[in-house]
Amino acid sequence: MHVRPSPTPASDRPRSPATQFATTDRLSDYWRFYWAVAEAQISRWLPRSPSRLLDLSSPDFQGTPRAVAAGHDVVTLLPSVDMAMRRPLTLVNGRAVVPPPAPRGRLRHVVGDSALLRTFTSESFDGVIADNRVLSRHLATESSMAEVARVLRPGGRALVCVDSVVLGMALLAEQDYWPELSHAPSADVLLVPWPDGSITRCFTAEQLTEMVTEAGLELEWIKPRTVLSASTVEMMLARDPRSMARLVEMELHAADSDDYVGVHLVSSVYKPH
């Protein structure tokens, strides 16, 4: 007698790219790893001397309190007044929250549009943090990048994170957009429907470099946010939950390569004098 095997429980099924990367679950092993890498990257990027920074990355971006704790004055842009009322998580990546801000570091919330920075005068910031895929959600990204360049002081720097074409093509395949997928590698602009109905703009390293240059900025470096796959990270953490620090260090070395295979690209740019 043939016995039909029981269906695999949903929790044990491999997660699709859309499920894995379209929903940020800060408590999952992969996303705890992802944000630990992001925090390490921004800690390395932050200016050494106290600076005035503009953060466009959303109020729950964990790099912001790190910048304040390092002594920087940070202006965080909020889409609405209600966003400022959110309470932070009590744990970040399985450990205590970041230390209290240093006395000289201040955090200020300003309500405004992160695509149009008209609230701020030209050359008013030493640095701009546009992480958390914020520029990929601005489909006219060239205009947003030009605004970033405008508010930067000469010599100022910006940290930018965008969705990559690798992620865009995975999402197109996941949603059976095969005609669109066939043209994706050669497209000048790749707009991808997100599972929640929104649209994201995805970039190759060359496209991101070209956009930065057109805005009058110069590239310092560009790398993937993460190279290690979600399955690799989850397998290693399942074997040894204490291996997070080693994984992050491994990732930081791996991301220094020229292999732009990650789902998100991170770039540091500066405004010439």
C-alpha atoms as a PDB file:
ATOM      1  CA  MET A   1       0.000   0.000   0.000  1.00  0.00           C
ATOM      2  CA  HIS A   2       1.337   3.399  -0.973  1.00  0.00           C
ATOM      3  CA  VAL A   3       1.371   5.876   1.873  1.00  0.00           C
ATOM      4  CA  ARG A   4       1.397   9.526   0.870  1.00  0.00           C
ATOM      5  CA  PRO A   5       4.057  11.395   2.837  1.00  0.00           C
ATOM      6  CA  SER A   6       2.899  14.085   5.202  1.00  0.00           C
ATOM      7  CA  PRO A   7       3.372  17.636   3.943  1.00  0.00           C
ATOM      8  CA  THR A   8       6.423  19.450   5.226  1.00  0.00           C
ATOM      9  CA  PRO A   9       5.502  21.878   8.002  1.00  0.00           C
ATOM     10  CA  ALA A  10       5.580  25.512   6.869  1.00  0.00           C
ATOM     11  CA  SER A  11       8.250  26.318   9.441  1.00  0.00           C
ATOM     12  CA  ASP A  12      10.574  23.681   7.904  1.00  0.00           C
ATOM     13  CA  ARG A  13      10.135  24.677   4.265  1.00  0.00           C
ATOM     14  CA  PRO A  14      12.886  26.648   2.522  1.00  0.00           C
ATOM     15  CA  ARG A  15      11.995  30.296   2.428  1.00  0.00           C
ATOM     16  CA  SER A  16      11.747  31.979  -0.941  1.00  0.00           C
ATOM     17  CA  PRO A  17      13.768  35.124  -1.716  1.00  0.00           C
ATOM     18  CA  ALA A  18      10.570  37.170  -1.454  1.00  0.00           C
ATOM     19  CA  THR A  19       9.755  35.785   1.985  1.00  0.00           C
ATOM     20  CA  GLN A  20      13.346  35.997   3.209  1.00  0.00           C
ATOM     21  CA  PHE A  21      14.206  39.509   2.079  1.00  0.00           C
ATOM     22  CA  ALA A  22      10.878  41.306   1.766  1.00  0.00           C
ATOM     23  CA  THR A  23      10.015  40.998   5.451  1.00  0.00           C
ATOM     24  CA  THR A  24      12.492  42.114   8.084  1.00  0.00           C
ATOM     25  CA  ASP A  25      12.162  39.796  11.073  1.00  0.00           C
ATOM     26  CA  ARG A  26      14.640  41.189  13.596  1.00  0.00           C
ATOM     27  CA  LEU A  27      14.280  38.095  15.778  1.00  0.00           C
ATOM     28  CA  SER A  28      15.260  35.568  13.085  1.00  0.00           C
ATOM     29  CA  ASP A  29      18.845  34.330  12.998  1.00  0.00           C
ATOM     30  CA  TYR A  30      19.532  35.727   9.536  1.00  0.00           C
ATOM     31  CA  TRP A  31      18.196  39.200  10.252  1.00  0.00           C
ATOM     32  CA  ARG A  32      19.985  39.392  13.590  1.00  0.00           C
ATOM     33  CA  PHE A  33      23.145  38.633  11.614  1.00  0.00           C
ATOM     34  CA  TYR A  34      22.237  41.122   8.879  1.00  0.00           C
ATOM     35  CA  TRP A  35      21.764  44.012  11.306  1.00  0.00           C
ATOM     36  CA  ALA A  36      24.893  43.077  13.239  1.00  0.00           C
ATOM     37  CA  VAL A  37      26.819  43.403   9.955  1.00  0.00           C
ATOM     38  CA  ALA A  38      25.081  46.707   9.193  1.00  0.00           C
ATOM     39  CA  GLU A  39      26.020  48.092  12.616  1.00  0.00           C
ATOM     40  CA  ALA A  40      29.634  47.008  12.156  1.00  0.00           C
ATOM     41  CA  GLN A  41      29.765  48.635   8.721  1.00  0.00           C
ATOM     42  CA  ILE A  42      28.372  51.944   9.916  1.00  0.00           C
ATOM     43  CA  SER A  43      30.665  51.928  12.964  1.00  0.00           C
ATOM     44  CA  ARG A  44      33.622  51.656  10.585  1.00  0.00           C
ATOM     45  CA  TRP A  45      32.197  54.399   8.340  1.00  0.00           C
ATOM     46  CA  LEU A  46      31.391  57.035  10.989  1.00  0.00           C
ATOM     47  CA  PRO A  47      33.665  60.114  11.096  1.00  0.00           C
ATOM     48  CA  ARG A  48      36.386  59.998  13.733  1.00  0.00           C
ATOM     49  CA  SER A  49      35.662  63.510  15.020  1.00  0.00           C
ATOM     50  CA  PRO A  50      32.227  64.723  16.231  1.00  0.00           C
ATOM     51  CA  SER A  51      30.136  65.698  13.200  1.00  0.00           C
ATOM     52  CA  ARG A  52      26.651  66.808  12.197  1.00  0.00           C
ATOM     53  CA  LEU A  53      24.867  63.954  10.417  1.00  0.00           C
ATOM     54  CA  LEU A  54      21.530  63.644   8.620  1.00  0.00           C
ATOM     55  CA  ASP A  55      19.876  60.215   8.861  1.00  0.00           C
ATOM     56  CA  LEU A  56      17.279  59.323   6.213  1.00  0.00           C
ATOM     57  CA  SER A  57      17.108  55.634   7.113  1.00  0.00           C
ATOM     58  CA  SER A  58      13.904  55.541   9.258  1.00  0.00           C
ATOM     59  CA  PRO A  59      13.591  55.972  13.044  1.00  0.00           C
ATOM     60  CA  ASP A  60      14.161  52.278  13.844  1.00  0.00           C
ATOM     61  CA  PHE A  61      17.532  52.122  12.076  1.00  0.00           C
ATOM     62  CA  GLN A  62      19.998  50.797  14.648  1.00  0.00           C
ATOM     63  CA  GLY A  63      22.939  52.715  13.209  1.00  0.00           C
ATOM     64  CA  THR A  64      21.477  56.002  14.444  1.00  0.00           C
ATOM     65  CA  PRO A  65      21.938  55.412  18.197  1.00  0.00           C
ATOM     66  CA  ARG A  66      25.434  54.111  17.443  1.00  0.00           C
ATOM     67  CA  ALA A  67      26.271  57.402  15.734  1.00  0.00           C
ATOM     68  CA  VAL A  68      24.884  59.412  18.659  1.00  0.00           C
ATOM     69  CA  ALA A  69      26.740  57.244  21.162  1.00  0.00           C
ATOM     70  CA  ALA A  70      29.949  57.946  19.230  1.00  0.00           C
ATOM     71  CA  GLY A  71      29.473  61.673  19.902  1.00  0.00           C
ATOM     72  CA  HIS A  72      27.842  62.831  16.668  1.00  0.00           C
ATOM     73  CA  ASP A  73      24.874  65.198  16.432  1.00  0.00           C
ATOM     74  CA  VAL A  74      22.259  63.371  14.336  1.00  0.00           C
ATOM     75  CA  VAL A  75      19.125  64.757  12.705  1.00  0.00           C
ATOM     76  CA  THR A  76      16.713  61.926  11.899  1.00  0.00           C
ATOM     77  CA  LEU A  77      14.079  62.563   9.252  1.00  0.00           C
ATOM     78  CA  LEU A  78      10.611  61.204  10.092  1.00  0.00           C
ATOM     79  CA  PRO A  79       7.661  60.735   7.712  1.00  0.00           C
ATOM     80  CA  SER A  80       5.255  61.759  10.494  1.00  0.00           C
ATOM     81  CA  VAL A  81       5.218  62.926  14.108  1.00  0.00           C
ATOM     82  CA  ASP A  82       3.815  59.531  15.205  1.00  0.00           C
ATOM     83  CA  MET A  83       7.024  57.764  14.164  1.00  0.00           C
ATOM     84  CA  ALA A  84       8.960  59.565  16.883  1.00  0.00           C
ATOM     85  CA  MET A  85       6.807  57.924  19.564  1.00  0.00           C
ATOM     86  CA  ARG A  86       8.001  54.374  18.856  1.00  0.00           C
ATOM     87  CA  ARG A  87       9.893  52.761  21.706  1.00  0.00           C
ATOM     88  CA  PRO A  88      13.150  50.965  20.800  1.00  0.00           C
ATOM     89  CA  LEU A  89      13.577  47.225  21.196  1.00  0.00           C
ATOM     90  CA  THR A  90      15.122  46.139  24.488  1.00  0.00           C
ATOM     91  CA  LEU A  91      17.492  43.755  22.712  1.00  0.00           C
ATOM     92  CA  VAL A  92      19.542  44.293  19.570  1.00  0.00           C
ATOM     93  CA  ASN A  93      20.985  41.189  17.907  1.00  0.00           C
ATOM     94  CA  GLY A  94      20.548  39.219  21.140  1.00  0.00           C
ATOM     95  CA  ARG A  95      22.435  41.634  23.358  1.00  0.00           C
ATOM     96  CA  ALA A  96      21.698  44.754  25.397  1.00  0.00           C
ATOM     97  CA  VAL A  97      20.843  48.014  23.660  1.00  0.00           C
ATOM     98  CA  VAL A  98      23.662  50.323  22.665  1.00  0.00           C
ATOM     99  CA  PRO A  99      25.235  52.444  25.413  1.00  0.00           C
ATOM    100  CA  PRO A 100      23.646  55.778  26.378  1.00  0.00           C
ATOM    101  CA  PRO A 101      24.682  58.647  24.100  1.00  0.00           C
ATOM    102  CA  ALA A 102      27.900  60.456  24.925  1.00  0.00           C
ATOM    103  CA  PRO A 103      27.303  63.920  26.442  1.00  0.00           C
ATOM    104  CA  ARG A 104      28.249  65.716  23.237  1.00  0.00           C
ATOM    105  CA  GLY A 105      26.080  63.555  20.951  1.00  0.00           C
ATOM    106  CA  ARG A 106      22.531  64.745  20.344  1.00  0.00           C
ATOM    107  CA  LEU A 107      19.569  63.271  18.466  1.00  0.00           C
ATOM    108  CA  ARG A 108      16.912  65.503  16.936  1.00  0.00           C
ATOM    109  CA  HIS A 109      13.779  64.427  15.022  1.00  0.00           C
ATOM    110  CA  VAL A 110      12.522  66.453  12.062  1.00  0.00           C
ATOM    111  CA  VAL A 111       9.387  65.622  10.064  1.00  0.00           C
ATOM    112  CA  GLY A 112       9.989  65.790   6.327  1.00  0.00           C
ATOM    113  CA  ASP A 113      10.257  64.007   2.990  1.00  0.00           C
ATOM    114  CA  SER A 114      13.484  62.031   2.628  1.00  0.00           C
ATOM    115  CA  ALA A 115      13.266  62.410  -1.167  1.00  0.00           C
ATOM    116  CA  LEU A 116      13.073  66.232  -1.052  1.00  0.00           C
ATOM    117  CA  LEU A 117      15.318  67.716   1.616  1.00  0.00           C
ATOM    118  CA  ARG A 118      13.959  71.249   1.295  1.00  0.00           C
ATOM    119  CA  THR A 119      13.820  71.570   5.071  1.00  0.00           C
ATOM    120  CA  PHE A 120      17.613  71.889   5.092  1.00  0.00           C
ATOM    121  CA  THR A 121      19.895  74.521   3.639  1.00  0.00           C
ATOM    122  CA  SER A 122      22.675  73.623   1.249  1.00  0.00           C
ATOM    123  CA  GLU A 123      25.987  72.379   2.675  1.00  0.00           C
ATOM    124  CA  SER A 124      24.583  71.997   6.213  1.00  0.00           C
ATOM    125  CA  PHE A 125      25.758  68.451   7.092  1.00  0.00           C
ATOM    126  CA  ASP A 126      29.094  66.706   7.436  1.00  0.00           C
ATOM    127  CA  GLY A 127      27.538  63.363   6.568  1.00  0.00           C
ATOM    128  CA  VAL A 128      24.326  61.733   5.341  1.00  0.00           C
ATOM    129  CA  ILE A 129      23.210  58.202   6.226  1.00  0.00           C
ATOM    130  CA  ALA A 130      20.817  56.792   3.598  1.00  0.00           C
ATOM    131  CA  ASP A 131      20.744  53.178   4.742  1.00  0.00           C
ATOM    132  CA  ASN A 132      17.900  50.682   5.157  1.00  0.00           C
ATOM    133  CA  ARG A 133      17.175  50.710   1.367  1.00  0.00           C
ATOM    134  CA  VAL A 134      15.655  54.187   1.590  1.00  0.00           C
ATOM    135  CA  LEU A 135      16.910  55.344  -1.830  1.00  0.00           C
ATOM    136  CA  SER A 136      15.613  52.196  -3.565  1.00  0.00           C
ATOM    137  CA  ARG A 137      12.130  53.189  -2.421  1.00  0.00           C
ATOM    138  CA  HIS A 138      12.583  56.559  -4.151  1.00  0.00           C
ATOM    139  CA  LEU A 139      12.060  55.624  -7.792  1.00  0.00           C
ATOM    140  CA  ALA A 140      13.486  58.954  -8.998  1.00  0.00           C
ATOM    141  CA  THR A 141      16.681  58.095  -7.166  1.00  0.00           C
ATOM    142  CA  GLU A 142      18.796  60.529  -9.177  1.00  0.00           C
ATOM    143  CA  SER A 143      16.842  63.460  -7.682  1.00  0.00           C
ATOM    144  CA  SER A 144      17.217  62.053  -4.168  1.00  0.00           C
ATOM    145  CA  MET A 145      20.962  61.606  -4.655  1.00  0.00           C
ATOM    146  CA  ALA A 146      21.240  65.173  -5.954  1.00  0.00           C
ATOM    147  CA  GLU A 147      19.534  66.370  -2.756  1.00  0.00           C
ATOM    148  CA  VAL A 148      21.991  64.365  -0.662  1.00  0.00           C
ATOM    149  CA  ALA A 149      24.839  66.056  -2.542  1.00  0.00           C
ATOM    150  CA  ARG A 150      23.271  69.493  -2.029  1.00  0.00           C
ATOM    151  CA  VAL A 151      23.040  69.261   1.777  1.00  0.00           C
ATOM    152  CA  LEU A 152      26.566  67.845   2.141  1.00  0.00           C
ATOM    153  CA  ARG A 153      29.388  70.207   2.955  1.00  0.00           C
ATOM    154  CA  PRO A 154      32.467  70.014   0.706  1.00  0.00           C
ATOM    155  CA  GLY A 155      34.439  67.030   1.952  1.00  0.00           C
ATOM    156  CA  GLY A 156      31.298  65.537   3.513  1.00  0.00           C
ATOM    157  CA  ARG A 157      30.454  61.869   3.075  1.00  0.00           C
ATOM    158  CA  ALA A 158      27.334  59.764   2.581  1.00  0.00           C
ATOM    159  CA  LEU A 159      26.604  56.099   3.313  1.00  0.00           C
ATOM    160  CA  VAL A 160      24.086  54.634   0.874  1.00  0.00           C
ATOM    161  CA  CYS A 161      22.330  51.247   0.803  1.00  0.00           C
ATOM    162  CA  VAL A 162      20.206  50.128  -2.178  1.00  0.00           C
ATOM    163  CA  ASP A 163      18.586  46.948  -3.473  1.00  0.00           C
ATOM    164  CA  SER A 164      20.759  45.093  -5.966  1.00  0.00           C
ATOM    165  CA  VAL A 165      19.841  43.612  -9.330  1.00  0.00           C
ATOM    166  CA  VAL A 166      20.552  40.198  -7.776  1.00  0.00           C
ATOM    167  CA  LEU A 167      17.591  40.699  -5.437  1.00  0.00           C
ATOM    168  CA  GLY A 168      15.456  42.249  -8.174  1.00  0.00           C
ATOM    169  CA  MET A 169      15.890  39.298 -10.512  1.00  0.00           C
ATOM    170  CA  ALA A 170      15.156  36.834  -7.711  1.00  0.00           C
ATOM    171  CA  LEU A 171      11.906  38.649  -6.935  1.00  0.00           C
ATOM    172  CA  LEU A 172      10.898  38.766 -10.606  1.00  0.00           C
ATOM    173  CA  ALA A 173      11.481  35.019 -10.913  1.00  0.00           C
ATOM    174  CA  GLU A 174       9.584  34.394  -7.669  1.00  0.00           C
ATOM    175  CA  GLN A 175       6.563  36.218  -9.116  1.00  0.00           C
ATOM    176  CA  ASP A 176       6.800  34.593 -12.594  1.00  0.00           C
ATOM    177  CA  TYR A 177       7.676  37.828 -14.415  1.00  0.00           C
ATOM    178  CA  TRP A 178       9.674  35.906 -16.993  1.00  0.00           C
ATOM    179  CA  PRO A 179       9.403  38.391 -19.940  1.00  0.00           C
ATOM    180  CA  GLU A 180      10.525  41.217 -17.638  1.00  0.00           C
ATOM    181  CA  LEU A 181      13.268  39.023 -16.190  1.00  0.00           C
ATOM    182  CA  SER A 182      14.771  38.380 -19.623  1.00  0.00           C
ATOM    183  CA  HIS A 183      15.330  42.142 -20.117  1.00  0.00           C
ATOM    184  CA  ALA A 184      16.441  42.870 -16.539  1.00  0.00           C
ATOM    185  CA  PRO A 185      20.232  42.422 -16.954  1.00  0.00           C
ATOM    186  CA  SER A 186      20.399  45.054 -19.725  1.00  0.00           C
ATOM    187  CA  ALA A 187      17.823  47.506 -18.353  1.00  0.00           C
ATOM    188  CA  ASP A 188      18.921  51.076 -17.647  1.00  0.00           C
ATOM    189  CA  VAL A 189      16.389  51.247 -14.802  1.00  0.00           C
ATOM    190  CA  LEU A 190      15.064  48.133 -13.062  1.00  0.00           C
ATOM    191  CA  LEU A 191      11.813  48.610 -11.131  1.00  0.00           C
ATOM    192  CA  VAL A 192      10.597  45.506  -9.321  1.00  0.00           C
ATOM    193  CA  PRO A 193       7.164  44.883  -7.746  1.00  0.00           C
ATOM    194  CA  TRP A 194       7.534  43.969  -4.085  1.00  0.00           C
ATOM    195  CA  PRO A 195       5.303  41.261  -2.552  1.00  0.00           C
ATOM    196  CA  ASP A 196       3.508  43.907  -0.456  1.00  0.00           C
ATOM    197  CA  GLY A 197       2.500  45.858  -3.576  1.00  0.00           C
ATOM    198  CA  SER A 198       5.203  48.513  -3.402  1.00  0.00           C
ATOM    199  CA  ILE A 199       7.878  49.090  -6.045  1.00  0.00           C
ATOM    200  CA  THR A 200      11.622  48.988  -5.468  1.00  0.00           C
ATOM    201  CA  ARG A 201      14.431  50.183  -7.710  1.00  0.00           C
ATOM    202  CA  CYS A 202      17.402  47.845  -8.028  1.00  0.00           C
ATOM    203  CA  PHE A 203      20.957  48.696  -9.052  1.00  0.00           C
ATOM    204  CA  THR A 204      24.102  47.134 -10.366  1.00  0.00           C
ATOM    205  CA  ALA A 205      27.367  48.442  -8.932  1.00  0.00           C
ATOM    206  CA  GLU A 206      27.980  50.257 -12.234  1.00  0.00           C
ATOM    207  CA  GLN A 207      24.558  51.950 -12.174  1.00  0.00           C
ATOM    208  CA  LEU A 208      25.023  53.086  -8.587  1.00  0.00           C
ATOM    209  CA  THR A 209      28.472  54.455  -9.407  1.00  0.00           C
ATOM    210  CA  GLU A 210      27.112  56.338 -12.426  1.00  0.00           C
ATOM    211  CA  MET A 211      24.277  57.880 -10.393  1.00  0.00           C
ATOM    212  CA  VAL A 212      26.694  59.004  -7.669  1.00  0.00           C
ATOM    213  CA  THR A 213      28.984  60.602 -10.269  1.00  0.00           C
ATOM    214  CA  GLU A 214      26.120  62.419 -11.977  1.00  0.00           C
ATOM    215  CA  ALA A 215      25.157  63.940  -8.624  1.00  0.00           C
ATOM    216  CA  GLY A 216      28.632  65.480  -8.336  1.00  0.00           C
ATOM    217  CA  LEU A 217      29.851  63.011  -5.728  1.00  0.00           C
ATOM    218  CA  GLU A 218      32.833  60.672  -5.843  1.00  0.00           C
ATOM    219  CA  LEU A 219      32.934  57.014  -4.899  1.00  0.00           C
ATOM    220  CA  GLU A 220      35.062  55.827  -1.980  1.00  0.00           C
ATOM    221  CA  TRP A 221      33.976  52.184  -2.075  1.00  0.00           C
ATOM    222  CA  ILE A 222      31.077  49.909  -2.917  1.00  0.00           C
ATOM    223  CA  LYS A 223      30.416  46.401  -1.593  1.00  0.00           C
ATOM    224  CA  PRO A 224      27.564  43.997  -0.849  1.00  0.00           C
ATOM    225  CA  ARG A 225      25.976  44.334   2.570  1.00  0.00           C
ATOM    226  CA  THR A 226      26.176  40.576   3.011  1.00  0.00           C
ATOM    227  CA  VAL A 227      27.682  37.778   0.954  1.00  0.00           C
ATOM    228  CA  LEU A 228      26.947  34.783   3.172  1.00  0.00           C
ATOM    229  CA  SER A 229      23.623  33.160   2.299  1.00  0.00           C
ATOM    230  CA  ALA A 230      20.735  33.083   4.747  1.00  0.00           C
ATOM    231  CA  SER A 231      20.834  29.269   4.821  1.00  0.00           C
ATOM    232  CA  THR A 232      24.560  29.274   5.679  1.00  0.00           C
ATOM    233  CA  VAL A 233      24.089  31.802   8.482  1.00  0.00           C
ATOM    234  CA  GLU A 234      21.120  29.963   9.971  1.00  0.00           C
ATOM    235  CA  MET A 235      22.885  26.592   9.776  1.00  0.00           C
ATOM    236  CA  MET A 236      26.014  27.898  11.513  1.00  0.00           C
ATOM    237  CA  LEU A 237      24.066  29.691  14.243  1.00  0.00           C
ATOM    238  CA  ALA A 238      21.945  26.581  14.810  1.00  0.00           C
ATOM    239  CA  ARG A 239      25.151  24.611  15.369  1.00  0.00           C
ATOM    240  CA  ASP A 240      26.700  27.236  17.626  1.00  0.00           C
ATOM    241  CA  PRO A 241      24.551  30.180  18.791  1.00  0.00           C
ATOM    242  CA  ARG A 242      27.733  31.853  20.077  1.00  0.00           C
ATOM    243  CA  SER A 243      29.247  32.123  16.594  1.00  0.00           C
ATOM    244  CA  MET A 244      27.573  35.452  15.695  1.00  0.00           C
ATOM    245  CA  ALA A 245      30.722  37.541  16.211  1.00  0.00           C
ATOM    246  CA  ARG A 246      32.809  35.169  14.085  1.00  0.00           C
ATOM    247  CA  LEU A 247      30.190  35.223  11.333  1.00  0.00           C
ATOM    248  CA  VAL A 248      30.100  39.023  11.293  1.00  0.00           C
ATOM    249  CA  GLU A 249      33.895  39.219  11.097  1.00  0.00           C
ATOM    250  CA  MET A 250      33.877  36.631   8.305  1.00  0.00           C
ATOM    251  CA  GLU A 251      31.268  38.683   6.448  1.00  0.00           C
ATOM    252  CA  LEU A 252      33.199  41.933   6.771  1.00  0.00           C
ATOM    253  CA  HIS A 253      36.230  40.314   5.160  1.00  0.00           C
ATOM    254  CA  ALA A 254      34.155  38.592   2.449  1.00  0.00           C
ATOM    255  CA  ALA A 255      32.323  41.811   1.531  1.00  0.00           C
ATOM    256  CA  ASP A 256      35.640  43.541   0.773  1.00  0.00           C
ATOM    257  CA  SER A 257      35.900  41.518  -2.437  1.00  0.00           C
ATOM    258  CA  ASP A 258      34.829  42.756  -5.888  1.00  0.00           C
ATOM    259  CA  ASP A 259      32.081  40.126  -6.123  1.00  0.00           C
ATOM    260  CA  TYR A 260      28.824  42.119  -5.925  1.00  0.00           C
ATOM    261  CA  VAL A 261      26.544  39.150  -5.313  1.00  0.00           C
ATOM    262  CA  GLY A 262      24.639  40.461  -2.295  1.00  0.00           C
ATOM    263  CA  VAL A 263      20.972  41.395  -2.274  1.00  0.00           C
ATOM    264  CA  HIS A 264      21.841  44.917  -1.076  1.00  0.00           C
ATOM    265  CA  LEU A 265      24.717  47.162  -2.104  1.00  0.00           C
ATOM    266  CA  VAL A 266      26.377  49.542   0.345  1.00  0.00           C
ATOM    267  CA  SER A 267      28.443  52.477  -0.842  1.00  0.00           C
ATOM    268  CA  SER A 268      30.428  55.313   0.706  1.00  0.00           C
ATOM    269  CA  VAL A 269      30.673  58.525  -1.317  1.00  0.00           C
ATOM    270  CA  TYR A 270      32.035  62.014  -0.688  1.00  0.00           C
ATOM    271  CA  LYS A 271      31.578  65.550  -1.975  1.00  0.00           C
ATOM    272  CA  PRO A 272      34.761  67.015  -3.436  1.00  0.00           C
ATOM    273  CA  HIS A 273      36.100  70.324  -2.103  1.00  0.00           C
END
